[in-house]
Protein backbone atom coordinates (compact mmCIF):
# COMPACT_ATOMS: atom_id res chain seq x y z
CA UNK A 1 0.00 0.00 0.00
CA UNK A 2 1.35 3.39 -0.98
CA UNK A 3 1.32 6.25 1.49
CA UNK A 4 0.23 9.70 0.45
CA UNK A 5 3.82 10.86 -0.02
CA UNK A 6 4.73 7.86 -2.15
CA UNK A 7 1.58 8.31 -4.26
CA UNK A 8 2.47 11.99 -4.72
CA UNK A 9 5.99 11.13 -5.81
CA UNK A 10 4.68 8.42 -8.14
CA UNK A 11 2.34 10.91 -9.81
CA UNK A 12 5.18 13.37 -10.28
CA UNK A 13 7.35 10.66 -11.80
CA UNK A 14 4.56 9.72 -14.23
CA UNK A 15 4.32 13.33 -15.35
CA UNK A 16 0.72 13.85 -14.26
CA UNK A 17 -0.04 17.25 -12.83
CA UNK A 18 -1.40 17.72 -9.36
CA UNK A 19 -4.43 20.00 -9.10
CA UNK A 20 -3.51 23.53 -8.06
CA UNK A 21 -5.49 25.11 -5.25
CA UNK A 22 -5.47 28.89 -5.24
CA UNK A 23 -6.33 30.65 -2.03
CA UNK A 24 -8.00 34.02 -2.20
CA UNK A 25 -6.32 36.68 -0.06
CA UNK A 26 -8.12 37.42 3.16
CA UNK A 27 -9.87 40.74 3.43
CA UNK A 28 -8.21 42.94 5.98
CA UNK A 29 -10.32 44.84 8.41
CA UNK A 30 -9.83 48.52 9.04
CA UNK A 31 -8.54 49.37 12.47
CA UNK A 32 -9.66 52.84 13.46
CA UNK A 33 -8.34 52.57 17.01
CA UNK A 34 -4.63 52.72 16.09
CA UNK A 35 -2.64 55.50 17.73
CA UNK A 36 0.46 56.84 16.00
CA UNK A 37 2.90 58.63 18.27
CA UNK A 38 6.21 60.43 17.76
CA UNK A 39 7.19 59.62 21.34
CA UNK A 40 8.63 56.17 20.71
CA UNK A 41 11.38 54.83 22.95
CA UNK A 42 14.84 54.79 21.38
CA UNK A 43 16.66 51.46 21.56
CA UNK A 44 20.08 52.82 20.55
CA UNK A 45 21.53 52.50 24.05
CA UNK A 46 19.62 49.37 25.07
CA UNK A 47 22.20 46.82 26.34
CA UNK A 48 20.66 43.97 24.32
CA UNK A 49 20.96 45.82 21.01
CA UNK A 50 24.38 47.27 21.83
CA UNK A 51 25.65 43.73 22.48
CA UNK A 52 24.09 42.49 19.22
CA UNK A 53 25.67 45.35 17.26
CA UNK A 54 29.09 44.56 18.74
CA UNK A 55 28.74 40.89 17.75
CA UNK A 56 27.79 41.89 14.21
CA UNK A 57 30.76 44.25 13.92
CA UNK A 58 33.10 41.51 15.18
CA UNK A 59 31.64 39.00 12.71
CA UNK A 60 32.03 41.44 9.81
CA UNK A 61 35.67 42.09 10.75
CA UNK A 62 36.35 38.33 10.65
CA UNK A 63 34.24 37.71 7.51
CA UNK A 64 34.32 40.80 5.30
CA UNK A 65 31.77 41.23 2.52
CA UNK A 66 33.19 41.02 -1.00
CA UNK A 67 33.37 44.29 -2.92
CA UNK A 68 31.25 42.97 -5.76
CA UNK A 69 28.38 42.32 -3.34
CA UNK A 70 28.42 45.83 -1.89
CA UNK A 71 26.26 48.44 -3.57
PDB file of N, CA and C in Angstrom:
ATOM      1  N   UNK A   1       0.842  -1.182   0.000  1.00  0.00           N
ATOM      2  CA  UNK A   1       0.000   0.000   0.000  1.00  0.00           C
ATOM      3  C   UNK A   1       0.888   1.246   0.000  1.00  0.00           C
ATOM      4  N   UNK A   2       0.573   2.171  -0.871  1.00  0.00           N
ATOM      5  CA  UNK A   2       1.350   3.392  -0.976  1.00  0.00           C
ATOM      6  C   UNK A   2       0.820   4.457  -0.016  1.00  0.00           C
ATOM      7  N   UNK A   3       1.724   5.128   0.639  1.00  0.00           N
ATOM      8  CA  UNK A   3       1.318   6.245   1.491  1.00  0.00           C
ATOM      9  C   UNK A   3       1.062   7.458   0.613  1.00  0.00           C
ATOM     10  N   UNK A   4       0.528   8.489   1.206  1.00  0.00           N
ATOM     11  CA  UNK A   4       0.225   9.704   0.451  1.00  0.00           C
ATOM     12  C   UNK A   4       1.477  10.259  -0.220  1.00  0.00           C
ATOM     13  N   UNK A   5       2.582  10.313   0.522  1.00  0.00           N
ATOM     14  CA  UNK A   5       3.825  10.861  -0.022  1.00  0.00           C
ATOM     15  C   UNK A   5       4.313  10.027  -1.197  1.00  0.00           C
ATOM     16  N   UNK A   6       4.269   8.728  -1.064  1.00  0.00           N
ATOM     17  CA  UNK A   6       4.725   7.861  -2.152  1.00  0.00           C
ATOM     18  C   UNK A   6       3.820   7.987  -3.368  1.00  0.00           C
ATOM     19  N   UNK A   7       2.496   8.126  -3.137  1.00  0.00           N
ATOM     20  CA  UNK A   7       1.584   8.314  -4.255  1.00  0.00           C
ATOM     21  C   UNK A   7       1.873   9.633  -4.954  1.00  0.00           C
ATOM     22  N   UNK A   8       2.152  10.677  -4.159  1.00  0.00           N
ATOM     23  CA  UNK A   8       2.466  11.989  -4.719  1.00  0.00           C
ATOM     24  C   UNK A   8       3.721  11.904  -5.576  1.00  0.00           C
ATOM     25  N   UNK A   9       4.742  11.277  -5.046  1.00  0.00           N
ATOM     26  CA  UNK A   9       5.989  11.132  -5.806  1.00  0.00           C
ATOM     27  C   UNK A   9       5.776  10.307  -7.066  1.00  0.00           C
ATOM     28  N   UNK A  10       4.954   9.260  -6.972  1.00  0.00           N
ATOM     29  CA  UNK A  10       4.678   8.419  -8.138  1.00  0.00           C
ATOM     30  C   UNK A  10       3.967   9.219  -9.220  1.00  0.00           C
ATOM     31  N   UNK A  11       3.049  10.093  -8.828  1.00  0.00           N
ATOM     32  CA  UNK A  11       2.336  10.909  -9.810  1.00  0.00           C
ATOM     33  C   UNK A  11       3.283  11.904 -10.467  1.00  0.00           C
ATOM     34  N   UNK A  12       4.211  12.443  -9.704  1.00  0.00           N
ATOM     35  CA  UNK A  12       5.180  13.369 -10.283  1.00  0.00           C
ATOM     36  C   UNK A  12       6.054  12.627 -11.282  1.00  0.00           C
ATOM     37  N   UNK A  13       6.479  11.432 -10.922  1.00  0.00           N
ATOM     38  CA  UNK A  13       7.346  10.663 -11.797  1.00  0.00           C
ATOM     39  C   UNK A  13       6.631  10.281 -13.086  1.00  0.00           C
ATOM     40  N   UNK A  14       5.310  10.062 -13.020  1.00  0.00           N
ATOM     41  CA  UNK A  14       4.557   9.723 -14.226  1.00  0.00           C
ATOM     42  C   UNK A  14       4.353  10.937 -15.122  1.00  0.00           C
ATOM     43  N   UNK A  15       4.517  12.125 -14.557  1.00  0.00           N
ATOM     44  CA  UNK A  15       4.322  13.325 -15.349  1.00  0.00           C
ATOM     45  C   UNK A  15       2.926  13.884 -15.253  1.00  0.00           C
ATOM     46  N   UNK A  16       2.067  13.301 -14.414  1.00  0.00           N
ATOM     47  CA  UNK A  16       0.723  13.853 -14.264  1.00  0.00           C
ATOM     48  C   UNK A  16       0.785  15.052 -13.334  1.00  0.00           C
ATOM     49  N   UNK A  17      -0.030  16.039 -13.629  1.00  0.00           N
ATOM     50  CA  UNK A  17      -0.037  17.251 -12.826  1.00  0.00           C
ATOM     51  C   UNK A  17      -0.984  17.111 -11.643  1.00  0.00           C
ATOM     52  N   UNK A  18      -0.551  17.662 -10.548  1.00  0.00           N
ATOM     53  CA  UNK A  18      -1.398  17.717  -9.363  1.00  0.00           C
ATOM     54  C   UNK A  18      -2.322  18.924  -9.516  1.00  0.00           C
ATOM     55  N   UNK A  19      -3.545  18.840  -9.011  1.00  0.00           N
ATOM     56  CA  UNK A  19      -4.429  20.000  -9.096  1.00  0.00           C
ATOM     57  C   UNK A  19      -3.883  21.149  -8.248  1.00  0.00           C
ATOM     58  N   UNK A  20      -4.016  22.347  -8.753  1.00  0.00           N
ATOM     59  CA  UNK A  20      -3.512  23.526  -8.057  1.00  0.00           C
ATOM     60  C   UNK A  20      -4.670  24.184  -7.322  1.00  0.00           C
ATOM     61  N   UNK A  21      -4.466  24.444  -6.051  1.00  0.00           N
ATOM     62  CA  UNK A  21      -5.485  25.109  -5.253  1.00  0.00           C
ATOM     63  C   UNK A  21      -5.025  26.532  -5.007  1.00  0.00           C
ATOM     64  N   UNK A  22      -5.809  27.488  -5.453  1.00  0.00           N
ATOM     65  CA  UNK A  22      -5.469  28.890  -5.244  1.00  0.00           C
ATOM     66  C   UNK A  22      -6.308  29.426  -4.099  1.00  0.00           C
ATOM     67  N   UNK A  23      -5.630  30.058  -3.166  1.00  0.00           N
ATOM     68  CA  UNK A  23      -6.333  30.647  -2.031  1.00  0.00           C
ATOM     69  C   UNK A  23      -6.529  32.129  -2.288  1.00  0.00           C
ATOM     70  N   UNK A  24      -7.714  32.596  -2.042  1.00  0.00           N
ATOM     71  CA  UNK A  24      -8.002  34.022  -2.196  1.00  0.00           C
ATOM     72  C   UNK A  24      -7.431  34.755  -0.988  1.00  0.00           C
ATOM     73  N   UNK A  25      -6.855  35.940  -1.197  1.00  0.00           N
ATOM     74  CA  UNK A  25      -6.321  36.682  -0.058  1.00  0.00           C
ATOM     75  C   UNK A  25      -7.445  37.087   0.889  1.00  0.00           C
ATOM     76  N   UNK A  26      -7.122  37.050   2.168  1.00  0.00           N
ATOM     77  CA  UNK A  26      -8.121  37.422   3.164  1.00  0.00           C
ATOM     78  C   UNK A  26      -8.345  38.923   3.141  1.00  0.00           C
ATOM     79  N   UNK A  27      -9.563  39.319   3.364  1.00  0.00           N
ATOM     80  CA  UNK A  27      -9.872  40.743   3.428  1.00  0.00           C
ATOM     81  C   UNK A  27      -9.414  41.268   4.775  1.00  0.00           C
ATOM     82  N   UNK A  28      -8.691  42.356   4.740  1.00  0.00           N
ATOM     83  CA  UNK A  28      -8.208  42.942   5.977  1.00  0.00           C
ATOM     84  C   UNK A  28      -9.221  43.951   6.488  1.00  0.00           C
ATOM     85  N   UNK A  29      -9.386  43.911   7.794  1.00  0.00           N
ATOM     86  CA  UNK A  29     -10.322  44.845   8.408  1.00  0.00           C
ATOM     87  C   UNK A  29      -9.619  46.162   8.692  1.00  0.00           C
ATOM     88  N   UNK A  30     -10.381  47.226   8.685  1.00  0.00           N
ATOM     89  CA  UNK A  30      -9.826  48.520   9.045  1.00  0.00           C
ATOM     90  C   UNK A  30      -9.767  48.614  10.563  1.00  0.00           C
ATOM     91  N   UNK A  31      -8.699  49.183  11.037  1.00  0.00           N
ATOM     92  CA  UNK A  31      -8.542  49.374  12.470  1.00  0.00           C
ATOM     93  C   UNK A  31      -8.490  50.877  12.736  1.00  0.00           C
ATOM     94  N   UNK A  32      -9.579  51.406  13.220  1.00  0.00           N
ATOM     95  CA  UNK A  32      -9.655  52.840  13.464  1.00  0.00           C
ATOM     96  C   UNK A  32      -9.092  53.232  14.818  1.00  0.00           C
ATOM     97  N   UNK A  33      -8.788  52.260  15.666  1.00  0.00           N
ATOM     98  CA  UNK A  33      -8.336  52.571  17.013  1.00  0.00           C
ATOM     99  C   UNK A  33      -6.808  52.574  17.150  1.00  0.00           C
ATOM    100  N   UNK A  34      -6.087  52.698  16.046  1.00  0.00           N
ATOM    101  CA  UNK A  34      -4.626  52.715  16.087  1.00  0.00           C
ATOM    102  C   UNK A  34      -4.153  54.124  16.418  1.00  0.00           C
ATOM    103  N   UNK A  35      -3.201  54.207  17.336  1.00  0.00           N
ATOM    104  CA  UNK A  35      -2.644  55.496  17.734  1.00  0.00           C
ATOM    105  C   UNK A  35      -1.209  55.577  17.233  1.00  0.00           C
ATOM    106  N   UNK A  36      -0.888  56.622  16.489  1.00  0.00           N
ATOM    107  CA  UNK A  36       0.464  56.841  15.999  1.00  0.00           C
ATOM    108  C   UNK A  36       1.081  57.941  16.845  1.00  0.00           C
ATOM    109  N   UNK A  37       2.270  57.668  17.370  1.00  0.00           N
ATOM    110  CA  UNK A  37       2.902  58.633  18.267  1.00  0.00           C
ATOM    111  C   UNK A  37       4.346  58.867  17.852  1.00  0.00           C
ATOM    112  N   UNK A  38       4.813  60.103  18.016  1.00  0.00           N
ATOM    113  CA  UNK A  38       6.211  60.428  17.760  1.00  0.00           C
ATOM    114  C   UNK A  38       7.075  60.142  18.982  1.00  0.00           C
ATOM    115  N   UNK A  39       6.471  59.854  20.090  1.00  0.00           N
ATOM    116  CA  UNK A  39       7.188  59.621  21.342  1.00  0.00           C
ATOM    117  C   UNK A  39       7.468  58.132  21.526  1.00  0.00           C
ATOM    118  N   UNK A  40       8.289  57.585  20.649  1.00  0.00           N
ATOM    119  CA  UNK A  40       8.632  56.173  20.707  1.00  0.00           C
ATOM    120  C   UNK A  40       9.998  56.036  21.357  1.00  0.00           C
ATOM    121  N   UNK A  41      10.133  55.043  22.223  1.00  0.00           N
ATOM    122  CA  UNK A  41      11.382  54.826  22.946  1.00  0.00           C
ATOM    123  C   UNK A  41      12.510  54.501  21.968  1.00  0.00           C
ATOM    124  N   UNK A  42      13.672  55.074  22.190  1.00  0.00           N
ATOM    125  CA  UNK A  42      14.840  54.788  21.377  1.00  0.00           C
ATOM    126  C   UNK A  42      15.573  53.579  21.964  1.00  0.00           C
ATOM    127  N   UNK A  43      15.951  52.659  21.106  1.00  0.00           N
ATOM    128  CA  UNK A  43      16.660  51.459  21.560  1.00  0.00           C
ATOM    129  C   UNK A  43      18.158  51.533  21.260  1.00  0.00           C
ATOM    130  N   UNK A  44      18.673  52.700  20.928  1.00  0.00           N
ATOM    131  CA  UNK A  44      20.080  52.824  20.550  1.00  0.00           C
ATOM    132  C   UNK A  44      21.025  52.495  21.690  1.00  0.00           C
ATOM    133  N   UNK A  45      20.658  52.774  22.919  1.00  0.00           N
ATOM    134  CA  UNK A  45      21.533  52.496  24.053  1.00  0.00           C
ATOM    135  C   UNK A  45      21.071  51.289  24.870  1.00  0.00           C
ATOM    136  N   UNK A  46      20.104  50.556  24.372  1.00  0.00           N
ATOM    137  CA  UNK A  46      19.620  49.368  25.073  1.00  0.00           C
ATOM    138  C   UNK A  46      20.733  48.323  25.081  1.00  0.00           C
ATOM    139  N   UNK A  47      21.081  47.763  26.249  1.00  0.00           N
ATOM    140  CA  UNK A  47      22.200  46.816  26.338  1.00  0.00           C
ATOM    141  C   UNK A  47      22.073  45.614  25.398  1.00  0.00           C
ATOM    142  N   UNK A  48      20.865  45.120  25.198  1.00  0.00           N
ATOM    143  CA  UNK A  48      20.660  43.972  24.317  1.00  0.00           C
ATOM    144  C   UNK A  48      21.084  44.302  22.890  1.00  0.00           C
ATOM    145  N   UNK A  49      20.648  45.453  22.382  1.00  0.00           N
ATOM    146  CA  UNK A  49      20.958  45.824  21.008  1.00  0.00           C
ATOM    147  C   UNK A  49      22.402  46.285  20.846  1.00  0.00           C
ATOM    148  N   UNK A  50      22.967  46.886  21.880  1.00  0.00           N
ATOM    149  CA  UNK A  50      24.379  47.269  21.830  1.00  0.00           C
ATOM    150  C   UNK A  50      25.241  46.021  21.719  1.00  0.00           C
ATOM    151  N   UNK A  51      24.910  45.000  22.505  1.00  0.00           N
ATOM    152  CA  UNK A  51      25.645  43.733  22.481  1.00  0.00           C
ATOM    153  C   UNK A  51      25.526  43.064  21.104  1.00  0.00           C
ATOM    154  N   UNK A  52      24.301  43.072  20.549  1.00  0.00           N
ATOM    155  CA  UNK A  52      24.088  42.490  19.218  1.00  0.00           C
ATOM    156  C   UNK A  52      24.907  43.229  18.165  1.00  0.00           C
ATOM    157  N   UNK A  53      24.927  44.547  18.232  1.00  0.00           N
ATOM    158  CA  UNK A  53      25.672  45.347  17.257  1.00  0.00           C
ATOM    159  C   UNK A  53      27.167  45.062  17.351  1.00  0.00           C
ATOM    160  N   UNK A  54      27.678  44.884  18.572  1.00  0.00           N
ATOM    161  CA  UNK A  54      29.094  44.557  18.744  1.00  0.00           C
ATOM    162  C   UNK A  54      29.419  43.191  18.142  1.00  0.00           C
ATOM    163  N   UNK A  55      28.524  42.222  18.333  1.00  0.00           N
ATOM    164  CA  UNK A  55      28.736  40.889  17.751  1.00  0.00           C
ATOM    165  C   UNK A  55      28.738  40.949  16.230  1.00  0.00           C
ATOM    166  N   UNK A  56      27.855  41.751  15.662  1.00  0.00           N
ATOM    167  CA  UNK A  56      27.788  41.887  14.208  1.00  0.00           C
ATOM    168  C   UNK A  56      29.064  42.528  13.683  1.00  0.00           C
ATOM    169  N   UNK A  57      29.530  43.583  14.353  1.00  0.00           N
ATOM    170  CA  UNK A  57      30.758  44.246  13.920  1.00  0.00           C
ATOM    171  C   UNK A  57      31.948  43.297  13.984  1.00  0.00           C
ATOM    172  N   UNK A  58      32.015  42.479  15.045  1.00  0.00           N
ATOM    173  CA  UNK A  58      33.097  41.506  15.184  1.00  0.00           C
ATOM    174  C   UNK A  58      33.031  40.461  14.069  1.00  0.00           C
ATOM    175  N   UNK A  59      31.824  39.991  13.766  1.00  0.00           N
ATOM    176  CA  UNK A  59      31.643  39.003  12.710  1.00  0.00           C
ATOM    177  C   UNK A  59      32.072  39.577  11.357  1.00  0.00           C
ATOM    178  N   UNK A  60      31.686  40.834  11.091  1.00  0.00           N
ATOM    179  CA  UNK A  60      32.034  41.442   9.810  1.00  0.00           C
ATOM    180  C   UNK A  60      33.527  41.710   9.690  1.00  0.00           C
ATOM    181  N   UNK A  61      34.203  41.934  10.813  1.00  0.00           N
ATOM    182  CA  UNK A  61      35.666  42.086  10.752  1.00  0.00           C
ATOM    183  C   UNK A  61      36.317  40.752  10.382  1.00  0.00           C
ATOM    184  N   UNK A  62      35.785  39.664  10.926  1.00  0.00           N
ATOM    185  CA  UNK A  62      36.350  38.333  10.652  1.00  0.00           C
ATOM    186  C   UNK A  62      35.959  37.829   9.265  1.00  0.00           C
ATOM    187  N   UNK A  63      34.764  38.192   8.796  1.00  0.00           N
ATOM    188  CA  UNK A  63      34.239  37.714   7.513  1.00  0.00           C
ATOM    189  C   UNK A  63      33.788  38.910   6.678  1.00  0.00           C
ATOM    190  N   UNK A  64      34.699  39.604   6.053  1.00  0.00           N
ATOM    191  CA  UNK A  64      34.317  40.802   5.296  1.00  0.00           C
ATOM    192  C   UNK A  64      33.470  40.454   4.070  1.00  0.00           C
ATOM    193  N   UNK A  65      32.633  41.388   3.688  1.00  0.00           N
ATOM    194  CA  UNK A  65      31.772  41.231   2.516  1.00  0.00           C
ATOM    195  C   UNK A  65      32.584  41.582   1.276  1.00  0.00           C
ATOM    196  N   UNK A  66      32.470  40.775   0.245  1.00  0.00           N
ATOM    197  CA  UNK A  66      33.195  41.018  -1.004  1.00  0.00           C
ATOM    198  C   UNK A  66      32.748  42.329  -1.624  1.00  0.00           C
ATOM    199  N   UNK A  67      33.674  42.991  -2.301  1.00  0.00           N
ATOM    200  CA  UNK A  67      33.373  44.285  -2.921  1.00  0.00           C
ATOM    201  C   UNK A  67      32.302  44.196  -3.984  1.00  0.00           C
ATOM    202  N   UNK A  68      32.252  43.076  -4.698  1.00  0.00           N
ATOM    203  CA  UNK A  68      31.251  42.972  -5.764  1.00  0.00           C
ATOM    204  C   UNK A  68      29.825  42.798  -5.214  1.00  0.00           C
ATOM    205  N   UNK A  69      29.701  42.452  -3.949  1.00  0.00           N
ATOM    206  CA  UNK A  69      28.377  42.318  -3.343  1.00  0.00           C
ATOM    207  C   UNK A  69      27.890  43.622  -2.726  1.00  0.00           C
ATOM    208  N   UNK A  70      28.804  44.533  -2.473  1.00  0.00           N
ATOM    209  CA  UNK A  70      28.422  45.826  -1.894  1.00  0.00           C
ATOM    210  C   UNK A  70      27.814  46.703  -2.970  1.00  0.00           C
ATOM    211  N   UNK A  71      26.896  47.528  -2.597  1.00  0.00           N
ATOM    212  CA  UNK A  71      26.260  48.437  -3.566  1.00  0.00           C
ATOM    213  C   UNK A  71      26.938  49.759  -3.551  1.00  0.00           C
TER     214      UNK A  71
END
